[in-house]
């Protein structure tokens, strides 16, 4: 009898907790086929995110997101617990949490010296978004370094109700600021033309200057691949000696970003080379310690 009573109590408690979840919080991460967001990144490059379709996986409806400047494009949904699920795994955003709730994530906030990345929900505030006062959810990104240091907190993200992510910033200097959006055919702010949006898939292989540059000791290298193919990204010193292999595998078409940690290297000029087939692109980067 005691075991049955405990089971009933757990069921009642679970039902009560579930009933407290505010399902309208889905509006902070809208997902509809055709939705478009236009961002500018840390080097003022245009970034487009678009919901291009939907699909059913294991009986659940997912939406296919394409992001022009990230490798994180894929299937996304907001589940019954208000967690934003990316590519089948738990994402960094949990829309149903209480203020000051902290949770670990599998994402790596590259550049943060911590073995365990964390996200903290900081509640809802009111901000002017495209000329209208809107509720905005606040998230901090952080992590737990080795003892005896306390948890480190730095940048994070802002999600506006009815709009989605309006700002996202990471420790390594990467950030995205929303310029405009089209949500369920309603336009907010400034949005690029349909012709520009169609250029999400790059037309040629491109290697960008690393950012930041000069750097100490970490930087990011961004490049674009126009179609699926094998590609390599390697780092050399000025003597032509190979220092690191950052990528040497099959690449999907799109934008790719790889971090390079030069903690073990001396200050100086280095060369990074992107090669796909007969095409070879070369750029220099400066490490200053």
Protein backbone atom coordinates (compact mmCIF):
# COMPACT_ATOMS: atom_id res chain seq x y z
CA UNK A 1 0.00 0.00 0.00
CA UNK A 2 2.86 2.38 0.91
CA UNK A 3 4.52 1.77 -2.49
CA UNK A 4 1.23 2.49 -4.31
CA UNK A 5 0.77 5.72 -2.34
CA UNK A 6 4.27 6.91 -3.23
CA UNK A 7 3.68 6.12 -6.90
CA UNK A 8 0.42 8.08 -6.90
CA UNK A 9 2.15 11.02 -5.21
CA UNK A 10 4.87 11.05 -7.87
CA UNK A 11 2.29 10.94 -10.65
CA UNK A 12 0.30 13.78 -9.09
CA UNK A 13 3.46 15.85 -8.60
CA UNK A 14 4.62 15.24 -12.18
CA UNK A 15 1.18 16.20 -13.51
CA UNK A 16 1.19 19.35 -11.40
CA UNK A 17 4.68 20.41 -12.58
CA UNK A 18 3.79 19.75 -16.20
CA UNK A 19 0.60 21.80 -15.87
CA UNK A 20 2.66 24.78 -14.66
CA UNK A 21 4.64 24.99 -17.90
CA UNK A 22 3.62 28.08 -19.86
CA UNK A 23 3.22 26.75 -23.39
CA UNK A 24 2.94 30.28 -24.78
CA UNK A 25 6.70 30.53 -24.25
CA UNK A 26 7.05 28.75 -27.58
CA UNK A 27 6.49 32.21 -29.03
CA UNK A 28 10.00 33.17 -27.90
CA UNK A 29 11.38 30.71 -30.48
CA UNK A 30 8.88 30.80 -33.37
CA UNK A 31 9.14 28.07 -36.00
CA UNK A 32 7.04 28.23 -39.17
CA UNK A 33 7.96 27.15 -42.67
CA UNK A 34 9.01 30.31 -44.51
CA UNK A 35 10.18 32.28 -41.45
CA UNK A 36 13.35 34.29 -42.10
CA UNK A 37 15.81 36.09 -39.82
CA UNK A 38 18.54 38.45 -41.01
CA UNK A 39 21.56 38.95 -38.73
CA UNK A 40 24.89 40.78 -38.85
CA UNK A 41 27.88 39.03 -37.33
CA UNK A 42 30.97 40.39 -35.55
CA UNK A 43 32.62 41.38 -38.85
CA UNK A 44 29.39 42.89 -40.25
CA UNK A 45 28.80 39.95 -42.57
CA UNK A 46 25.20 39.23 -43.49
CA UNK A 47 23.80 36.04 -41.97
CA UNK A 48 20.46 34.56 -42.99
CA UNK A 49 18.52 31.93 -41.07
CA UNK A 50 15.46 30.43 -42.72
CA UNK A 51 12.93 27.66 -42.01
CA UNK A 52 12.87 25.82 -45.33
CA UNK A 53 10.67 22.86 -44.47
CA UNK A 54 9.42 20.42 -41.87
CA UNK A 55 9.49 16.69 -41.31
CA UNK A 56 8.24 13.98 -38.93
CA UNK A 57 10.88 12.12 -36.90
CA UNK A 58 9.76 9.45 -34.42
CA UNK A 59 6.25 10.89 -34.52
CA UNK A 60 7.44 14.42 -33.70
CA UNK A 61 7.31 17.42 -36.02
CA UNK A 62 10.66 19.08 -36.68
CA UNK A 63 11.53 22.14 -38.74
CA UNK A 64 14.55 22.36 -41.03
CA UNK A 65 16.62 25.48 -40.30
CA UNK A 66 19.33 26.67 -42.67
CA UNK A 67 21.86 29.21 -41.34
CA UNK A 68 24.22 30.82 -43.83
CA UNK A 69 27.12 31.35 -41.39
CA UNK A 70 26.91 28.32 -39.13
CA UNK A 71 27.43 24.61 -39.31
CA UNK A 72 24.59 24.07 -36.82
CA UNK A 73 21.85 24.04 -39.46
CA UNK A 74 19.49 21.10 -39.14
CA UNK A 75 16.22 19.92 -37.67
CA UNK A 76 14.79 21.88 -34.73
CA UNK A 77 11.71 21.80 -32.55
CA UNK A 78 10.38 23.08 -29.22
CA UNK A 79 9.31 20.05 -27.19
CA UNK A 80 6.52 19.70 -24.59
CA UNK A 81 8.89 20.84 -21.83
CA UNK A 82 9.68 24.05 -23.75
CA UNK A 83 13.22 22.94 -24.56
CA UNK A 84 14.60 23.95 -27.96
CA UNK A 85 15.90 20.71 -29.49
CA UNK A 86 18.62 20.97 -32.15
CA UNK A 87 19.42 17.97 -34.35
CA UNK A 88 17.97 15.48 -31.87
CA UNK A 89 19.91 16.80 -28.85
CA UNK A 90 18.99 19.30 -26.16
CA UNK A 91 19.76 22.86 -27.16
CA UNK A 92 21.03 25.70 -25.01
CA UNK A 93 17.59 27.32 -24.69
CA UNK A 94 15.01 26.04 -22.19
CA UNK A 95 11.98 28.29 -22.41
CA UNK A 96 10.07 26.83 -19.47
CA UNK A 97 12.63 27.34 -16.71
CA UNK A 98 12.28 29.51 -13.60
CA UNK A 99 14.46 32.56 -12.98
CA UNK A 100 18.13 31.84 -12.14
CA UNK A 101 17.89 28.18 -13.18
CA UNK A 102 21.25 26.79 -14.37
CA UNK A 103 21.82 23.71 -16.54
CA UNK A 104 24.77 22.06 -18.31
CA UNK A 105 24.90 21.82 -22.09
CA UNK A 106 26.80 19.68 -24.57
CA UNK A 107 27.73 22.72 -26.67
CA UNK A 108 31.24 24.09 -26.25
CA UNK A 109 31.46 27.83 -25.73
CA UNK A 110 34.80 27.81 -27.49
CA UNK A 111 37.31 30.20 -25.93
CA UNK A 112 35.99 29.80 -22.38
CA UNK A 113 38.52 27.98 -20.17
CA UNK A 114 36.05 25.60 -18.60
CA UNK A 115 35.36 21.86 -18.90
CA UNK A 116 31.60 22.24 -18.32
CA UNK A 117 29.64 24.84 -20.29
CA UNK A 118 26.52 26.14 -18.51
CA UNK A 119 23.46 28.23 -19.34
CA UNK A 120 21.57 30.38 -16.86
CA UNK A 121 18.04 31.69 -17.39
CA UNK A 122 17.76 35.26 -16.13
CA UNK A 123 14.04 35.86 -16.48
CA UNK A 124 11.95 38.09 -18.71
CA UNK A 125 12.35 41.82 -19.19
CA UNK A 126 10.66 44.33 -21.52
CA UNK A 127 12.56 45.92 -24.39
CA UNK A 128 11.83 47.89 -27.55
CA UNK A 129 12.22 45.53 -30.50
CA UNK A 130 11.68 47.08 -33.93
CA UNK A 131 9.77 49.96 -32.35
CA UNK A 132 7.43 47.83 -30.23
CA UNK A 133 7.71 46.92 -26.53
CA UNK A 134 8.11 43.15 -26.26
CA UNK A 135 8.85 40.59 -23.58
CA UNK A 136 12.46 39.40 -23.90
CA UNK A 137 13.97 36.27 -22.32
CA UNK A 138 17.54 36.59 -21.07
CA UNK A 139 20.12 33.78 -21.04
CA UNK A 140 23.73 33.85 -19.80
CA UNK A 141 26.51 31.58 -21.04
CA UNK A 142 29.10 30.38 -18.54
CA UNK A 143 30.99 27.47 -17.14
CA UNK A 144 32.81 25.90 -14.20
CA UNK A 145 36.62 26.17 -14.36
CA UNK A 146 38.97 24.14 -12.23
CA UNK A 147 38.96 24.73 -8.45
CA UNK A 148 39.27 27.04 -6.59
CA UNK A 149 37.70 29.44 -9.12
CA UNK A 150 33.99 30.23 -9.12
CA UNK A 151 31.68 29.73 -12.07
CA UNK A 152 32.44 32.18 -14.87
CA UNK A 153 29.61 34.03 -16.58
CA UNK A 154 29.95 36.17 -19.66
CA UNK A 155 27.86 36.78 -22.73
CA UNK A 156 24.57 35.18 -23.67
CA UNK A 157 21.43 35.57 -25.72
CA UNK A 158 18.19 37.54 -25.88
CA UNK A 159 14.95 36.04 -27.28
CA UNK A 160 12.03 38.35 -28.07
CA UNK A 161 8.47 37.04 -27.90
CA UNK A 162 7.05 36.59 -31.37
CA UNK A 163 10.44 37.22 -33.00
CA UNK A 164 13.03 34.75 -31.70
CA UNK A 165 16.75 35.28 -31.11
CA UNK A 166 17.55 38.98 -31.41
CA UNK A 167 21.08 38.81 -30.03
CA UNK A 168 23.59 36.06 -29.37
CA UNK A 169 27.19 36.51 -28.23
CA UNK A 170 29.95 34.08 -27.28
CA UNK A 171 33.24 34.36 -25.40
CA UNK A 172 35.45 34.12 -28.46
CA UNK A 173 34.00 37.33 -29.88
CA UNK A 174 31.39 35.75 -32.13
CA UNK A 175 28.02 37.46 -32.01
CA UNK A 176 24.86 37.91 -34.06
CA UNK A 177 22.51 40.90 -33.97
CA UNK A 178 19.10 40.72 -35.61
CA UNK A 179 18.48 43.29 -38.36
CA UNK A 180 15.08 42.09 -39.48
CA UNK A 181 12.75 39.11 -39.70
CA UNK A 182 9.71 37.73 -41.47
CA UNK A 183 7.56 35.68 -39.08
CA UNK A 184 4.37 34.12 -40.46
CA UNK A 185 4.54 36.53 -43.44
CA UNK A 186 4.82 39.63 -41.18
CA UNK A 187 7.99 41.68 -41.65
CA UNK A 188 9.91 43.29 -38.78
CA UNK A 189 12.87 45.64 -39.23
CA UNK A 190 15.03 45.46 -42.35
CA UNK A 191 15.11 42.28 -44.40
CA UNK A 192 17.17 41.50 -47.49
CA UNK A 193 15.69 40.71 -50.89
CA UNK A 194 14.66 37.23 -51.93
CA UNK A 195 17.58 37.15 -54.37
CA UNK A 196 20.07 37.76 -51.56
CA UNK A 197 18.42 35.12 -49.39
CA UNK A 198 18.88 32.57 -52.17
CA UNK A 199 22.66 32.92 -51.79
CA UNK A 200 22.65 30.97 -48.52
CA UNK A 201 24.48 28.21 -50.36
CA UNK A 202 27.83 29.71 -51.46
CA UNK A 203 28.63 29.89 -55.15
CA UNK A 204 32.38 29.28 -54.82
CA UNK A 205 35.00 28.06 -52.37
CA UNK A 206 36.03 30.98 -50.15
CA UNK A 207 38.54 31.33 -47.34
CA UNK A 208 38.08 34.27 -44.95
CA UNK A 209 40.55 36.06 -42.74
CA UNK A 210 40.70 34.50 -39.29
CA UNK A 211 39.01 36.37 -36.47
CA UNK A 212 40.34 37.83 -34.29
CA UNK A 213 43.63 38.66 -36.01
CA UNK A 214 46.15 39.22 -34.48
CA UNK A 215 45.10 36.67 -31.86
CA UNK A 216 46.22 35.25 -28.50
CA UNK A 217 46.02 32.30 -28.33
CA UNK A 218 42.73 31.31 -29.99
CA UNK A 219 41.11 32.33 -33.23
CA UNK A 220 38.46 31.14 -35.68
CA UNK A 221 38.79 30.35 -39.36
CA UNK A 222 35.72 30.56 -41.57
CA UNK A 223 35.37 29.17 -45.07
CA UNK A 224 32.63 28.32 -47.56
CA UNK A 225 32.17 25.21 -49.68
CA UNK A 226 29.82 25.44 -52.72
CA UNK A 227 29.08 21.70 -52.93
CA UNK A 228 29.78 18.53 -51.02
CA UNK A 229 33.39 17.46 -51.39
CA UNK A 230 36.52 16.46 -49.49
CA UNK A 231 38.45 19.44 -48.15
CA UNK A 232 41.38 20.05 -45.84
CA UNK A 233 42.37 23.00 -43.67
CA UNK A 234 45.97 23.01 -42.41
CA UNK A 235 48.27 25.41 -40.58
CA UNK A 236 51.96 25.90 -41.45
CA UNK A 237 54.82 27.99 -40.14
CA UNK A 238 56.82 30.26 -42.44
CA UNK A 239 59.29 27.41 -43.08
CA UNK A 240 56.50 25.39 -44.63
CA UNK A 241 56.34 22.91 -41.76
CA UNK A 242 52.89 21.54 -40.99
CA UNK A 243 51.72 22.72 -37.57
CA UNK A 244 48.14 21.47 -37.38
CA UNK A 245 45.45 19.71 -39.38
CA UNK A 246 42.16 21.42 -38.54
CA UNK A 247 40.02 19.54 -41.06
CA UNK A 248 40.57 16.73 -43.53
CA UNK A 249 37.25 15.13 -44.34
CA UNK A 250 34.13 15.28 -46.46
CA UNK A 251 32.35 18.66 -46.17
CA UNK A 252 28.72 19.46 -46.82
CA UNK A 253 27.99 22.56 -48.89
CA UNK A 254 27.75 25.70 -46.82
CA UNK A 255 29.65 27.74 -44.27
CA UNK A 256 32.19 26.16 -41.93
CA UNK A 257 33.92 27.61 -38.87
CA UNK A 258 36.84 25.93 -37.10
CA UNK A 259 38.65 27.10 -33.98
CA UNK A 260 42.44 27.10 -33.76
CA UNK A 261 44.23 27.04 -30.39
CA UNK A 262 47.85 28.18 -30.63
CA UNK A 263 48.64 27.98 -26.91
CA UNK A 264 51.61 25.69 -27.63
CA UNK A 265 53.12 27.91 -30.33
CA UNK A 266 55.46 30.88 -30.23
CA UNK A 267 54.47 34.36 -31.36
CA UNK A 268 54.84 34.94 -35.07
CA UNK A 269 53.27 34.70 -38.50
CA UNK A 270 51.55 31.48 -39.57
CA UNK A 271 49.87 30.35 -42.77
CA UNK A 272 46.60 28.47 -43.12
CA UNK A 273 45.68 26.63 -46.30
CA UNK A 274 42.27 25.46 -47.48
CA UNK A 275 42.34 22.88 -50.25
CA UNK A 276 39.46 21.26 -52.13
CA UNK A 277 40.35 19.30 -55.25
CA UNK A 278 42.73 21.39 -57.35
CA UNK A 279 41.74 24.60 -55.57
CA UNK A 280 44.10 25.85 -52.88
CA UNK A 281 43.54 29.08 -50.91
CA UNK A 282 46.13 30.57 -48.57
CA UNK A 283 46.02 33.30 -45.90
CA UNK A 284 48.31 34.53 -43.13
CA UNK A 285 47.53 35.05 -39.45
CA UNK A 286 49.55 36.66 -36.66
CA UNK A 287 49.93 35.17 -33.18
CA UNK A 288 50.93 37.72 -30.53
CA UNK A 289 51.55 36.53 -26.98
